[in-house]
């Protein structure tokens, strides 16, 4: 039971660390939330897309490891290296002059259809999404062996919680997330989490 909870918590923490990174998708969700424009549809697309990609990553990387056990070492080293690089980039943003504040300005989506199409494009046409959800989360999940699906479930839950909070809590979160100091703290936590996970993944390979 303890191992299951630990794996789920690890998935939640890892998933959240990757998802909250500043980017166009988060800015779009925040903007839609502030304007209360197609929020449910946008949050649903982001969360369901992440769930599908995380499942693909956990199942795909896991299947390779089962077929070729030696792949776990390679996946561990490569995945760990990526996590360390991501952590370094997040740490670098902490010391940027503007703090990389998330900005919600911009034109309104204009219609539910346009909002949905824009959200789908930002999610499925972004190569970083595949790197984060399929490869990185798949790599870390594979390290949990039989509990990799529990890890994946934790990551899916993290995605759902984040996008729900960002979209429906935008009216409250918007003014805080626009402040550089808020993202310095966020990036600091993300950097620490990624560096620790990356080092652990390499150490266990």
N, C-alpha and C. Protein backbone atom coordinates (compact mmCIF):
# COMPACT_ATOMS: atom_id res chain seq x y z
N UNK A 1 0.83 -1.21 0.00
CA UNK A 1 0.00 0.00 0.00
C UNK A 1 0.87 1.26 0.00
N UNK A 2 1.91 1.25 0.83
CA UNK A 2 2.81 2.40 0.91
C UNK A 2 3.51 2.63 -0.42
N UNK A 3 3.94 1.53 -1.08
CA UNK A 3 4.61 1.64 -2.37
C UNK A 3 3.68 2.22 -3.41
N UNK A 4 2.42 1.81 -3.37
CA UNK A 4 1.43 2.32 -4.33
C UNK A 4 1.23 3.82 -4.15
N UNK A 5 1.08 4.24 -2.91
CA UNK A 5 0.90 5.67 -2.62
C UNK A 5 2.14 6.46 -3.04
N UNK A 6 3.31 5.89 -2.76
CA UNK A 6 4.56 6.56 -3.12
C UNK A 6 4.68 6.73 -4.63
N UNK A 7 4.33 5.68 -5.38
CA UNK A 7 4.39 5.74 -6.84
C UNK A 7 3.40 6.77 -7.39
N UNK A 8 2.19 6.80 -6.82
CA UNK A 8 1.18 7.77 -7.27
C UNK A 8 1.62 9.19 -6.96
N UNK A 9 2.21 9.38 -5.76
CA UNK A 9 2.69 10.71 -5.36
C UNK A 9 3.85 11.15 -6.26
N UNK A 10 4.71 10.21 -6.60
CA UNK A 10 5.83 10.52 -7.49
C UNK A 10 5.32 10.93 -8.86
N UNK A 11 4.30 10.21 -9.35
CA UNK A 11 3.70 10.56 -10.64
C UNK A 11 3.06 11.93 -10.61
N UNK A 12 2.37 12.22 -9.51
CA UNK A 12 1.71 13.52 -9.37
C UNK A 12 2.75 14.64 -9.36
N UNK A 13 3.80 14.46 -8.57
CA UNK A 13 4.84 15.49 -8.46
C UNK A 13 5.59 15.69 -9.77
N UNK A 14 5.96 14.60 -10.42
CA UNK A 14 6.68 14.69 -11.68
C UNK A 14 5.82 15.33 -12.76
N UNK A 15 4.57 14.85 -12.85
CA UNK A 15 3.65 15.40 -13.85
C UNK A 15 3.43 16.89 -13.66
N UNK A 16 3.22 17.29 -12.40
CA UNK A 16 2.97 18.69 -12.11
C UNK A 16 4.19 19.55 -12.45
N UNK A 17 5.38 19.03 -12.18
CA UNK A 17 6.60 19.77 -12.46
C UNK A 17 6.75 20.06 -13.94
N UNK A 18 6.36 19.09 -14.77
CA UNK A 18 6.48 19.27 -16.22
C UNK A 18 5.36 20.14 -16.77
N UNK A 19 4.15 19.99 -16.23
CA UNK A 19 2.98 20.68 -16.78
C UNK A 19 2.98 22.16 -16.47
N UNK A 20 3.45 22.55 -15.29
CA UNK A 20 3.35 23.97 -14.90
C UNK A 20 4.42 24.84 -15.54
N UNK A 21 5.33 24.25 -16.30
CA UNK A 21 6.34 25.06 -16.98
C UNK A 21 5.64 26.11 -17.84
N UNK A 22 6.17 27.34 -17.81
CA UNK A 22 5.56 28.45 -18.53
C UNK A 22 5.54 28.16 -20.03
N UNK A 23 4.40 28.37 -20.67
CA UNK A 23 4.30 28.14 -22.10
C UNK A 23 3.01 28.68 -22.67
N UNK A 24 2.87 28.56 -24.00
CA UNK A 24 1.72 29.10 -24.69
C UNK A 24 0.42 28.43 -24.24
N UNK A 25 0.48 27.12 -23.97
CA UNK A 25 -0.74 26.41 -23.57
C UNK A 25 -1.28 26.93 -22.24
N UNK A 26 -0.40 27.08 -21.26
CA UNK A 26 -0.84 27.60 -19.96
C UNK A 26 -1.37 29.02 -20.07
N UNK A 27 -0.70 29.85 -20.89
CA UNK A 27 -1.15 31.22 -21.09
C UNK A 27 -2.53 31.25 -21.73
N UNK A 28 -2.76 30.34 -22.69
CA UNK A 28 -4.06 30.29 -23.37
C UNK A 28 -5.17 29.87 -22.41
N UNK A 29 -4.89 28.83 -21.61
CA UNK A 29 -5.89 28.37 -20.64
C UNK A 29 -6.22 29.48 -19.64
N UNK A 30 -5.19 30.17 -19.17
CA UNK A 30 -5.39 31.26 -18.22
C UNK A 30 -6.22 32.38 -18.85
N UNK A 31 -5.90 32.72 -20.09
CA UNK A 31 -6.62 33.78 -20.79
C UNK A 31 -8.10 33.41 -20.97
N UNK A 32 -8.34 32.15 -21.36
CA UNK A 32 -9.73 31.72 -21.53
C UNK A 32 -10.48 31.76 -20.20
N UNK A 33 -9.78 31.39 -19.13
CA UNK A 33 -10.41 31.39 -17.81
C UNK A 33 -10.76 32.79 -17.35
N UNK A 34 -9.87 33.73 -17.58
CA UNK A 34 -10.12 35.12 -17.18
C UNK A 34 -11.33 35.67 -17.92
N UNK A 35 -11.48 35.29 -19.20
CA UNK A 35 -12.59 35.78 -20.00
C UNK A 35 -13.84 34.90 -19.89
N UNK A 36 -13.68 33.77 -19.18
CA UNK A 36 -14.79 32.81 -19.03
C UNK A 36 -15.32 32.39 -20.39
N UNK A 37 -14.42 32.07 -21.28
CA UNK A 37 -14.75 31.71 -22.65
C UNK A 37 -14.38 30.25 -22.92
N UNK A 38 -15.38 29.40 -23.07
CA UNK A 38 -15.18 27.97 -23.39
C UNK A 38 -14.20 27.30 -22.43
N UNK A 39 -14.28 27.66 -21.15
CA UNK A 39 -13.32 27.15 -20.16
C UNK A 39 -13.42 25.63 -20.01
N UNK A 40 -14.63 25.11 -19.88
CA UNK A 40 -14.80 23.67 -19.69
C UNK A 40 -14.22 22.89 -20.86
N UNK A 41 -14.49 23.35 -22.09
CA UNK A 41 -13.98 22.67 -23.28
C UNK A 41 -12.45 22.70 -23.32
N UNK A 42 -11.87 23.84 -23.02
CA UNK A 42 -10.42 23.99 -23.07
C UNK A 42 -9.74 23.14 -21.99
N UNK A 43 -10.27 23.20 -20.77
CA UNK A 43 -9.70 22.40 -19.68
C UNK A 43 -9.84 20.91 -20.00
N UNK A 44 -10.99 20.52 -20.54
CA UNK A 44 -11.22 19.12 -20.89
C UNK A 44 -10.25 18.62 -21.95
N UNK A 45 -10.03 19.44 -22.98
CA UNK A 45 -9.10 19.06 -24.05
C UNK A 45 -7.69 18.88 -23.51
N UNK A 46 -7.24 19.83 -22.70
CA UNK A 46 -5.88 19.76 -22.15
C UNK A 46 -5.70 18.53 -21.26
N UNK A 47 -6.66 18.30 -20.36
CA UNK A 47 -6.56 17.19 -19.41
C UNK A 47 -6.66 15.84 -20.12
N UNK A 48 -7.63 15.70 -21.04
CA UNK A 48 -7.81 14.43 -21.75
C UNK A 48 -6.65 14.15 -22.70
N UNK A 49 -6.12 15.19 -23.32
CA UNK A 49 -4.97 15.01 -24.22
C UNK A 49 -3.76 14.53 -23.43
N UNK A 50 -3.53 15.15 -22.28
CA UNK A 50 -2.42 14.72 -21.42
C UNK A 50 -2.61 13.28 -20.97
N UNK A 51 -3.84 12.92 -20.62
CA UNK A 51 -4.12 11.55 -20.17
C UNK A 51 -3.78 10.55 -21.27
N UNK A 52 -4.17 10.88 -22.51
CA UNK A 52 -3.89 9.99 -23.64
C UNK A 52 -2.39 9.87 -23.89
N UNK A 53 -1.69 10.99 -23.85
CA UNK A 53 -0.25 10.99 -24.12
C UNK A 53 0.54 10.32 -22.99
N UNK A 54 0.10 10.54 -21.75
CA UNK A 54 0.77 9.89 -20.61
C UNK A 54 0.58 8.38 -20.69
N UNK A 55 -0.64 7.95 -21.05
CA UNK A 55 -0.91 6.52 -21.21
C UNK A 55 -0.03 5.93 -22.29
N UNK A 56 0.12 6.68 -23.39
CA UNK A 56 0.99 6.23 -24.48
C UNK A 56 2.43 6.11 -24.01
N UNK A 57 2.88 7.09 -23.23
CA UNK A 57 4.24 7.07 -22.73
C UNK A 57 4.50 5.94 -21.76
N UNK A 58 3.59 5.78 -20.79
CA UNK A 58 3.74 4.72 -19.79
C UNK A 58 3.68 3.35 -20.45
N UNK A 59 2.70 3.16 -21.35
CA UNK A 59 2.56 1.87 -22.01
C UNK A 59 3.65 1.60 -23.03
N UNK A 60 4.02 2.62 -23.80
CA UNK A 60 5.01 2.44 -24.86
C UNK A 60 6.40 2.19 -24.32
N UNK A 61 6.87 3.06 -23.45
CA UNK A 61 8.20 2.89 -22.87
C UNK A 61 8.24 1.63 -22.01
N UNK A 62 7.13 1.39 -21.28
CA UNK A 62 7.07 0.18 -20.44
C UNK A 62 7.16 -1.09 -21.26
N UNK A 63 6.51 -1.08 -22.43
CA UNK A 63 6.53 -2.27 -23.29
C UNK A 63 7.93 -2.53 -23.82
N UNK A 64 8.66 -1.47 -24.16
CA UNK A 64 10.03 -1.62 -24.65
C UNK A 64 10.91 -2.23 -23.57
N UNK A 65 10.73 -1.75 -22.33
CA UNK A 65 11.54 -2.25 -21.21
C UNK A 65 11.26 -3.72 -20.95
N UNK A 66 9.97 -4.11 -21.04
CA UNK A 66 9.60 -5.52 -20.83
C UNK A 66 10.23 -6.39 -21.91
N UNK A 67 10.21 -5.91 -23.16
CA UNK A 67 10.77 -6.67 -24.27
C UNK A 67 12.30 -6.72 -24.23
N UNK A 68 12.88 -5.61 -23.86
CA UNK A 68 14.34 -5.50 -23.80
C UNK A 68 14.74 -4.87 -22.48
N UNK A 69 14.98 -5.66 -21.44
CA UNK A 69 15.31 -5.14 -20.11
C UNK A 69 16.49 -4.18 -20.11
N UNK A 70 17.42 -4.37 -21.03
CA UNK A 70 18.57 -3.49 -21.09
C UNK A 70 18.19 -2.07 -21.45
N UNK A 71 16.99 -1.89 -22.01
CA UNK A 71 16.55 -0.55 -22.40
C UNK A 71 16.32 0.33 -21.18
N UNK A 72 16.06 -0.29 -20.02
CA UNK A 72 15.80 0.49 -18.81
C UNK A 72 17.00 1.36 -18.45
N UNK A 73 18.20 0.80 -18.66
CA UNK A 73 19.40 1.57 -18.36
C UNK A 73 19.53 2.76 -19.30
N UNK A 74 19.31 2.50 -20.61
CA UNK A 74 19.40 3.58 -21.60
C UNK A 74 18.34 4.65 -21.34
N UNK A 75 17.11 4.19 -21.08
CA UNK A 75 16.01 5.12 -20.81
C UNK A 75 16.30 5.94 -19.56
N UNK A 76 16.87 5.29 -18.55
CA UNK A 76 17.19 5.97 -17.31
C UNK A 76 18.21 7.08 -17.51
N UNK A 77 19.26 6.79 -18.27
CA UNK A 77 20.30 7.78 -18.51
C UNK A 77 19.79 8.94 -19.37
N UNK A 78 19.11 8.61 -20.46
CA UNK A 78 18.62 9.67 -21.36
C UNK A 78 17.53 10.50 -20.68
N UNK A 79 16.57 9.80 -20.05
CA UNK A 79 15.50 10.50 -19.35
C UNK A 79 16.03 11.36 -18.21
N UNK A 80 17.00 10.81 -17.47
CA UNK A 80 17.60 11.57 -16.38
C UNK A 80 18.32 12.81 -16.87
N UNK A 81 19.01 12.67 -18.00
CA UNK A 81 19.73 13.81 -18.58
C UNK A 81 18.76 14.91 -19.00
N UNK A 82 17.64 14.52 -19.61
CA UNK A 82 16.63 15.50 -20.01
C UNK A 82 16.06 16.21 -18.80
N UNK A 83 15.77 15.45 -17.75
CA UNK A 83 15.22 16.06 -16.54
C UNK A 83 16.21 17.05 -15.93
N UNK A 84 17.48 16.70 -15.92
CA UNK A 84 18.50 17.61 -15.39
C UNK A 84 18.58 18.89 -16.22
N UNK A 85 18.48 18.73 -17.54
CA UNK A 85 18.51 19.91 -18.43
C UNK A 85 17.29 20.79 -18.19
N UNK A 86 16.12 20.17 -18.08
CA UNK A 86 14.90 20.92 -17.82
C UNK A 86 15.00 21.64 -16.48
N UNK A 87 15.57 20.96 -15.50
CA UNK A 87 15.74 21.57 -14.19
C UNK A 87 16.67 22.76 -14.25
N UNK A 88 17.74 22.64 -15.02
CA UNK A 88 18.69 23.74 -15.17
C UNK A 88 18.04 24.94 -15.84
N UNK A 89 17.20 24.69 -16.84
CA UNK A 89 16.51 25.78 -17.53
C UNK A 89 15.53 26.48 -16.59
N UNK A 90 14.83 25.69 -15.78
CA UNK A 90 13.90 26.28 -14.81
C UNK A 90 14.66 27.11 -13.78
N UNK A 91 15.81 26.60 -13.34
CA UNK A 91 16.63 27.33 -12.38
C UNK A 91 17.14 28.63 -13.00
N UNK A 92 17.45 28.60 -14.27
CA UNK A 92 17.92 29.80 -14.96
C UNK A 92 16.83 30.87 -15.01
N UNK A 93 15.58 30.43 -15.21
CA UNK A 93 14.47 31.39 -15.27
C UNK A 93 14.26 32.11 -13.94
N UNK A 94 14.65 31.45 -12.85
CA UNK A 94 14.49 32.06 -11.53
C UNK A 94 15.27 33.38 -11.45
N UNK A 95 16.40 33.44 -12.16
CA UNK A 95 17.28 34.61 -12.06
C UNK A 95 17.11 35.59 -13.21
N UNK A 96 16.10 35.34 -14.07
CA UNK A 96 15.84 36.29 -15.15
C UNK A 96 15.23 37.56 -14.59
N UNK A 97 15.48 38.68 -15.26
CA UNK A 97 15.00 39.97 -14.77
C UNK A 97 13.49 40.05 -14.66
N UNK A 98 12.78 39.47 -15.66
CA UNK A 98 11.32 39.55 -15.63
C UNK A 98 10.69 38.36 -14.96
N UNK A 99 11.51 37.37 -14.55
CA UNK A 99 10.99 36.19 -13.87
C UNK A 99 10.14 35.31 -14.75
N UNK A 100 10.06 35.62 -16.07
CA UNK A 100 9.28 34.80 -16.97
C UNK A 100 7.81 34.79 -16.63
N UNK A 101 7.26 35.90 -16.20
CA UNK A 101 5.86 35.96 -15.79
C UNK A 101 4.93 35.47 -16.90
N UNK A 102 3.92 34.76 -16.52
CA UNK A 102 2.93 34.26 -17.45
C UNK A 102 1.98 35.39 -17.80
N UNK A 103 1.82 35.66 -19.08
CA UNK A 103 0.99 36.78 -19.49
C UNK A 103 -0.30 36.28 -20.14
N UNK A 104 -1.40 36.93 -19.79
CA UNK A 104 -2.70 36.52 -20.30
C UNK A 104 -3.27 37.49 -21.31
N UNK A 105 -2.48 38.48 -21.73
CA UNK A 105 -3.00 39.44 -22.68
C UNK A 105 -3.14 38.80 -24.05
N UNK A 106 -3.93 39.43 -24.88
CA UNK A 106 -4.08 38.92 -26.24
C UNK A 106 -5.52 38.99 -26.69
N UNK A 107 -5.73 38.64 -27.94
CA UNK A 107 -7.08 38.68 -28.50
C UNK A 107 -7.93 37.56 -27.92
N UNK A 108 -9.20 37.82 -27.80
CA UNK A 108 -10.13 36.79 -27.32
C UNK A 108 -10.28 35.71 -28.36
N UNK A 109 -10.64 34.51 -27.94
CA UNK A 109 -10.78 33.40 -28.88
C UNK A 109 -11.86 33.67 -29.90
N UNK A 110 -12.90 34.40 -29.53
CA UNK A 110 -13.92 34.80 -30.49
C UNK A 110 -15.08 33.84 -30.59
N UNK A 111 -14.86 32.56 -30.45
CA UNK A 111 -15.93 31.57 -30.52
C UNK A 111 -15.46 30.28 -29.87
N UNK A 112 -16.42 29.45 -29.49
CA UNK A 112 -16.07 28.17 -28.88
C UNK A 112 -15.28 27.31 -29.87
N UNK A 113 -15.68 27.33 -31.13
CA UNK A 113 -15.01 26.52 -32.14
C UNK A 113 -13.56 26.95 -32.29
N UNK A 114 -13.33 28.26 -32.34
CA UNK A 114 -11.97 28.76 -32.48
C UNK A 114 -11.15 28.42 -31.25
N UNK A 115 -11.76 28.53 -30.08
CA UNK A 115 -11.05 28.21 -28.84
C UNK A 115 -10.64 26.74 -28.82
N UNK A 116 -11.54 25.87 -29.25
CA UNK A 116 -11.26 24.42 -29.28
C UNK A 116 -10.14 24.11 -30.26
N UNK A 117 -10.22 24.68 -31.46
CA UNK A 117 -9.20 24.42 -32.48
C UNK A 117 -7.83 24.95 -32.05
N UNK A 118 -7.84 26.13 -31.44
CA UNK A 118 -6.58 26.70 -30.96
C UNK A 118 -5.97 25.83 -29.88
N UNK A 119 -6.80 25.36 -28.96
CA UNK A 119 -6.32 24.51 -27.87
C UNK A 119 -5.77 23.19 -28.40
N UNK A 120 -6.46 22.59 -29.36
CA UNK A 120 -6.00 21.34 -29.96
C UNK A 120 -4.65 21.53 -30.65
N UNK A 121 -4.50 22.66 -31.36
CA UNK A 121 -3.24 22.93 -32.06
C UNK A 121 -2.10 23.12 -31.07
N UNK A 122 -2.35 23.89 -30.01
CA UNK A 122 -1.31 24.15 -29.01
C UNK A 122 -0.89 22.87 -28.28
N UNK A 123 -1.83 21.93 -28.17
CA UNK A 123 -1.55 20.69 -27.46
C UNK A 123 -0.87 19.65 -28.34
N UNK A 124 -1.45 19.39 -29.50
CA UNK A 124 -0.99 18.27 -30.32
C UNK A 124 0.09 18.64 -31.34
N UNK A 125 0.27 19.92 -31.60
CA UNK A 125 1.29 20.33 -32.56
C UNK A 125 2.54 20.86 -31.86
N UNK A 126 2.58 20.73 -30.54
CA UNK A 126 3.73 21.19 -29.76
C UNK A 126 4.66 20.01 -29.47
N UNK A 127 5.85 19.98 -30.06
CA UNK A 127 6.76 18.85 -29.85
C UNK A 127 7.17 18.66 -28.39
N UNK A 128 7.18 19.75 -27.62
CA UNK A 128 7.57 19.63 -26.21
C UNK A 128 6.55 18.81 -25.42
N UNK A 129 5.30 18.82 -25.86
CA UNK A 129 4.27 18.03 -25.18
C UNK A 129 4.60 16.55 -25.26
N UNK A 130 5.06 16.10 -26.42
CA UNK A 130 5.41 14.69 -26.61
C UNK A 130 6.66 14.34 -25.79
N UNK A 131 7.61 15.26 -25.77
CA UNK A 131 8.83 15.02 -25.00
C UNK A 131 8.50 14.88 -23.51
N UNK A 132 7.63 15.78 -23.02
CA UNK A 132 7.28 15.78 -21.60
C UNK A 132 6.45 14.56 -21.21
N UNK A 133 5.33 14.38 -21.89
CA UNK A 133 4.37 13.34 -21.48
C UNK A 133 4.76 11.94 -21.93
N UNK A 134 5.18 11.81 -23.18
CA UNK A 134 5.46 10.47 -23.71
C UNK A 134 6.84 9.97 -23.27
N UNK A 135 7.85 10.80 -23.51
CA UNK A 135 9.21 10.31 -23.24
C UNK A 135 9.62 10.47 -21.78
N UNK A 136 9.57 11.70 -21.27
CA UNK A 136 10.06 11.92 -19.91
C UNK A 136 9.22 11.18 -18.87
N UNK A 137 7.90 11.37 -18.90
CA UNK A 137 7.06 10.67 -17.92
C UNK A 137 7.11 9.16 -18.14
N UNK A 138 7.19 8.75 -19.41
CA UNK A 138 7.30 7.32 -19.70
C UNK A 138 8.58 6.74 -19.15
N UNK A 139 9.68 7.52 -19.24
CA UNK A 139 10.98 7.07 -18.73
C UNK A 139 10.95 6.89 -17.22
N UNK A 140 10.43 7.92 -16.52
CA UNK A 140 10.38 7.85 -15.06
C UNK A 140 9.41 6.76 -14.62
N UNK A 141 8.30 6.60 -15.33
CA UNK A 141 7.32 5.56 -14.99
C UNK A 141 7.93 4.17 -15.12
N UNK A 142 8.72 3.97 -16.17
CA UNK A 142 9.34 2.66 -16.40
C UNK A 142 10.23 2.26 -15.23
N UNK A 143 10.81 3.25 -14.56
CA UNK A 143 11.69 2.99 -13.42
C UNK A 143 10.91 2.44 -12.22
N UNK A 144 9.56 2.57 -12.25
CA UNK A 144 8.74 2.07 -11.15
C UNK A 144 8.23 0.64 -11.41
N UNK A 145 8.65 0.06 -12.52
CA UNK A 145 8.31 -1.34 -12.81
C UNK A 145 6.81 -1.61 -12.79
N UNK A 146 6.36 -2.60 -11.99
CA UNK A 146 4.94 -2.97 -11.95
C UNK A 146 4.01 -1.83 -11.52
N UNK A 147 4.57 -0.83 -10.85
CA UNK A 147 3.75 0.29 -10.37
C UNK A 147 3.78 1.47 -11.35
N UNK A 148 4.24 1.23 -12.56
CA UNK A 148 4.34 2.34 -13.52
C UNK A 148 2.96 2.91 -13.86
N UNK A 149 1.92 2.07 -13.87
CA UNK A 149 0.59 2.59 -14.19
C UNK A 149 0.04 3.42 -13.03
N UNK A 150 0.41 3.07 -11.81
CA UNK A 150 0.02 3.90 -10.66
C UNK A 150 0.72 5.25 -10.75
N UNK A 151 1.98 5.24 -11.15
CA UNK A 151 2.72 6.48 -11.38
C UNK A 151 2.02 7.31 -12.46
N UNK A 152 1.64 6.65 -13.54
CA UNK A 152 0.96 7.34 -14.63
C UNK A 152 -0.36 7.94 -14.20
N UNK A 153 -1.10 7.23 -13.35
CA UNK A 153 -2.37 7.74 -12.84
C UNK A 153 -2.14 9.00 -12.02
N UNK A 154 -1.07 9.02 -11.24
CA UNK A 154 -0.73 10.21 -10.47
C UNK A 154 -0.44 11.40 -11.38
N UNK A 155 0.26 11.14 -12.49
CA UNK A 155 0.59 12.21 -13.44
C UNK A 155 -0.67 12.73 -14.12
N UNK A 156 -1.59 11.83 -14.47
CA UNK A 156 -2.86 12.24 -15.08
C UNK A 156 -3.66 13.11 -14.12
N UNK A 157 -3.68 12.72 -12.85
CA UNK A 157 -4.39 13.50 -11.83
C UNK A 157 -3.77 14.89 -11.67
N UNK A 158 -2.45 14.97 -11.75
CA UNK A 158 -1.76 16.26 -11.65
C UNK A 158 -2.19 17.18 -12.79
N UNK A 159 -2.27 16.63 -14.00
CA UNK A 159 -2.69 17.40 -15.16
C UNK A 159 -4.11 17.92 -14.98
N UNK A 160 -5.00 17.05 -14.53
CA UNK A 160 -6.40 17.43 -14.33
C UNK A 160 -6.51 18.54 -13.28
N UNK A 161 -5.80 18.39 -12.18
CA UNK A 161 -5.84 19.39 -11.11
C UNK A 161 -5.29 20.73 -11.58
N UNK A 162 -4.16 20.68 -12.30
CA UNK A 162 -3.54 21.93 -12.73
C UNK A 162 -4.42 22.71 -13.70
N UNK A 163 -4.89 22.04 -14.76
CA UNK A 163 -5.69 22.75 -15.76
C UNK A 163 -7.04 23.20 -15.21
N UNK A 164 -7.60 22.42 -14.30
CA UNK A 164 -8.85 22.82 -13.67
C UNK A 164 -8.64 24.08 -12.83
N UNK A 165 -7.56 24.07 -12.05
CA UNK A 165 -7.26 25.24 -11.21
C UNK A 165 -6.93 26.46 -12.07
N UNK A 166 -6.18 26.25 -13.14
CA UNK A 166 -5.78 27.36 -13.99
C UNK A 166 -6.95 27.95 -14.75
N UNK A 167 -7.83 27.08 -15.27
CA UNK A 167 -8.96 27.55 -16.05
C UNK A 167 -10.07 28.15 -15.20
N UNK A 168 -10.51 27.39 -14.20
CA UNK A 168 -11.65 27.85 -13.40
C UNK A 168 -11.24 28.78 -12.26
N UNK A 169 -9.96 28.77 -11.92
CA UNK A 169 -9.50 29.68 -10.87
C UNK A 169 -8.79 30.89 -11.44
N UNK A 170 -8.90 31.07 -12.76
CA UNK A 170 -8.16 32.15 -13.43
C UNK A 170 -8.48 33.52 -12.86
N UNK A 171 -9.73 33.75 -12.52
CA UNK A 171 -10.12 35.07 -11.98
C UNK A 171 -9.34 35.40 -10.71
N UNK A 172 -9.03 34.36 -9.94
CA UNK A 172 -8.29 34.57 -8.70
C UNK A 172 -6.78 34.45 -8.91
N UNK A 173 -6.39 33.52 -9.82
CA UNK A 173 -4.97 33.25 -10.03
C UNK A 173 -4.31 34.22 -10.97
N UNK A 174 -5.10 34.80 -11.90
CA UNK A 174 -4.53 35.61 -12.95
C UNK A 174 -3.61 36.71 -12.47
N UNK A 175 -4.06 37.51 -11.51
CA UNK A 175 -3.24 38.64 -11.08
C UNK A 175 -1.99 38.19 -10.33
N UNK A 176 -2.06 36.99 -9.71
CA UNK A 176 -0.89 36.48 -9.00
C UNK A 176 0.12 35.86 -9.96
N UNK A 177 -0.37 35.11 -10.96
CA UNK A 177 0.52 34.46 -11.91
C UNK A 177 1.16 35.45 -12.87
N UNK A 178 0.61 36.65 -12.93
CA UNK A 178 1.20 37.68 -13.80
C UNK A 178 2.42 38.32 -13.14
N UNK A 179 2.64 38.03 -11.86
CA UNK A 179 3.77 38.62 -11.13
C UNK A 179 5.03 37.76 -11.30
N UNK A 180 6.13 38.38 -11.68
CA UNK A 180 7.40 37.62 -11.84
C UNK A 180 7.78 36.83 -10.60
N UNK A 181 7.54 37.41 -9.41
CA UNK A 181 7.94 36.73 -8.17
C UNK A 181 7.25 35.39 -8.01
N UNK A 182 5.98 35.30 -8.43
CA UNK A 182 5.22 34.05 -8.30
C UNK A 182 5.87 32.95 -9.13
N UNK A 183 6.32 33.30 -10.34
CA UNK A 183 6.91 32.29 -11.20
C UNK A 183 8.35 31.98 -10.82
N UNK A 184 9.00 32.91 -10.13
CA UNK A 184 10.34 32.58 -9.61
C UNK A 184 10.23 31.47 -8.57
N UNK A 185 9.23 31.58 -7.70
CA UNK A 185 9.00 30.54 -6.69
C UNK A 185 8.63 29.23 -7.37
N UNK A 186 7.69 29.31 -8.36
CA UNK A 186 7.24 28.12 -9.08
C UNK A 186 8.39 27.45 -9.80
N UNK A 187 9.18 28.24 -10.50
CA UNK A 187 10.32 27.69 -11.24
C UNK A 187 11.36 27.10 -10.30
N UNK A 188 11.53 27.71 -9.13
CA UNK A 188 12.47 27.18 -8.15
C UNK A 188 12.06 25.79 -7.69
N UNK A 189 10.76 25.62 -7.43
CA UNK A 189 10.25 24.30 -7.02
C UNK A 189 10.36 23.29 -8.16
N UNK A 190 10.03 23.74 -9.37
CA UNK A 190 10.13 22.86 -10.54
C UNK A 190 11.58 22.42 -10.75
N UNK A 191 12.52 23.37 -10.66
CA UNK A 191 13.94 23.06 -10.87
C UNK A 191 14.42 22.04 -9.84
N UNK A 192 14.07 22.25 -8.58
CA UNK A 192 14.51 21.33 -7.52
C UNK A 192 13.96 19.93 -7.75
N UNK A 193 12.66 19.85 -8.11
CA UNK A 193 12.03 18.55 -8.33
C UNK A 193 12.66 17.82 -9.50
N UNK A 194 12.86 18.51 -10.61
CA UNK A 194 13.42 17.88 -11.80
C UNK A 194 14.85 17.42 -11.59
N UNK A 195 15.65 18.24 -10.92
CA UNK A 195 17.05 17.88 -10.70
C UNK A 195 17.16 16.65 -9.79
N UNK A 196 16.34 16.62 -8.74
CA UNK A 196 16.35 15.46 -7.83
C UNK A 196 15.90 14.21 -8.57
N UNK A 197 14.80 14.31 -9.34
CA UNK A 197 14.30 13.15 -10.08
C UNK A 197 15.28 12.69 -11.14
N UNK A 198 15.90 13.65 -11.83
CA UNK A 198 16.87 13.30 -12.86
C UNK A 198 18.07 12.57 -12.29
N UNK A 199 18.58 13.09 -11.16
CA UNK A 199 19.72 12.45 -10.52
C UNK A 199 19.38 11.05 -10.01
N UNK A 200 18.15 10.91 -9.48
CA UNK A 200 17.71 9.61 -8.97
C UNK A 200 17.55 8.61 -10.10
N UNK A 201 17.04 9.10 -11.26
CA UNK A 201 16.84 8.22 -12.40
C UNK A 201 18.18 7.71 -12.94
N UNK A 202 19.16 8.59 -12.99
CA UNK A 202 20.50 8.19 -13.47
C UNK A 202 21.17 7.25 -12.45
N UNK A 203 21.02 7.58 -11.18
CA UNK A 203 21.64 6.76 -10.12
C UNK A 203 21.08 5.35 -10.11
N UNK A 204 19.79 5.22 -10.45
CA UNK A 204 19.17 3.90 -10.41
C UNK A 204 19.35 3.10 -11.70
N UNK A 205 19.99 3.70 -12.70
CA UNK A 205 20.16 3.01 -14.00
C UNK A 205 21.35 2.06 -13.99
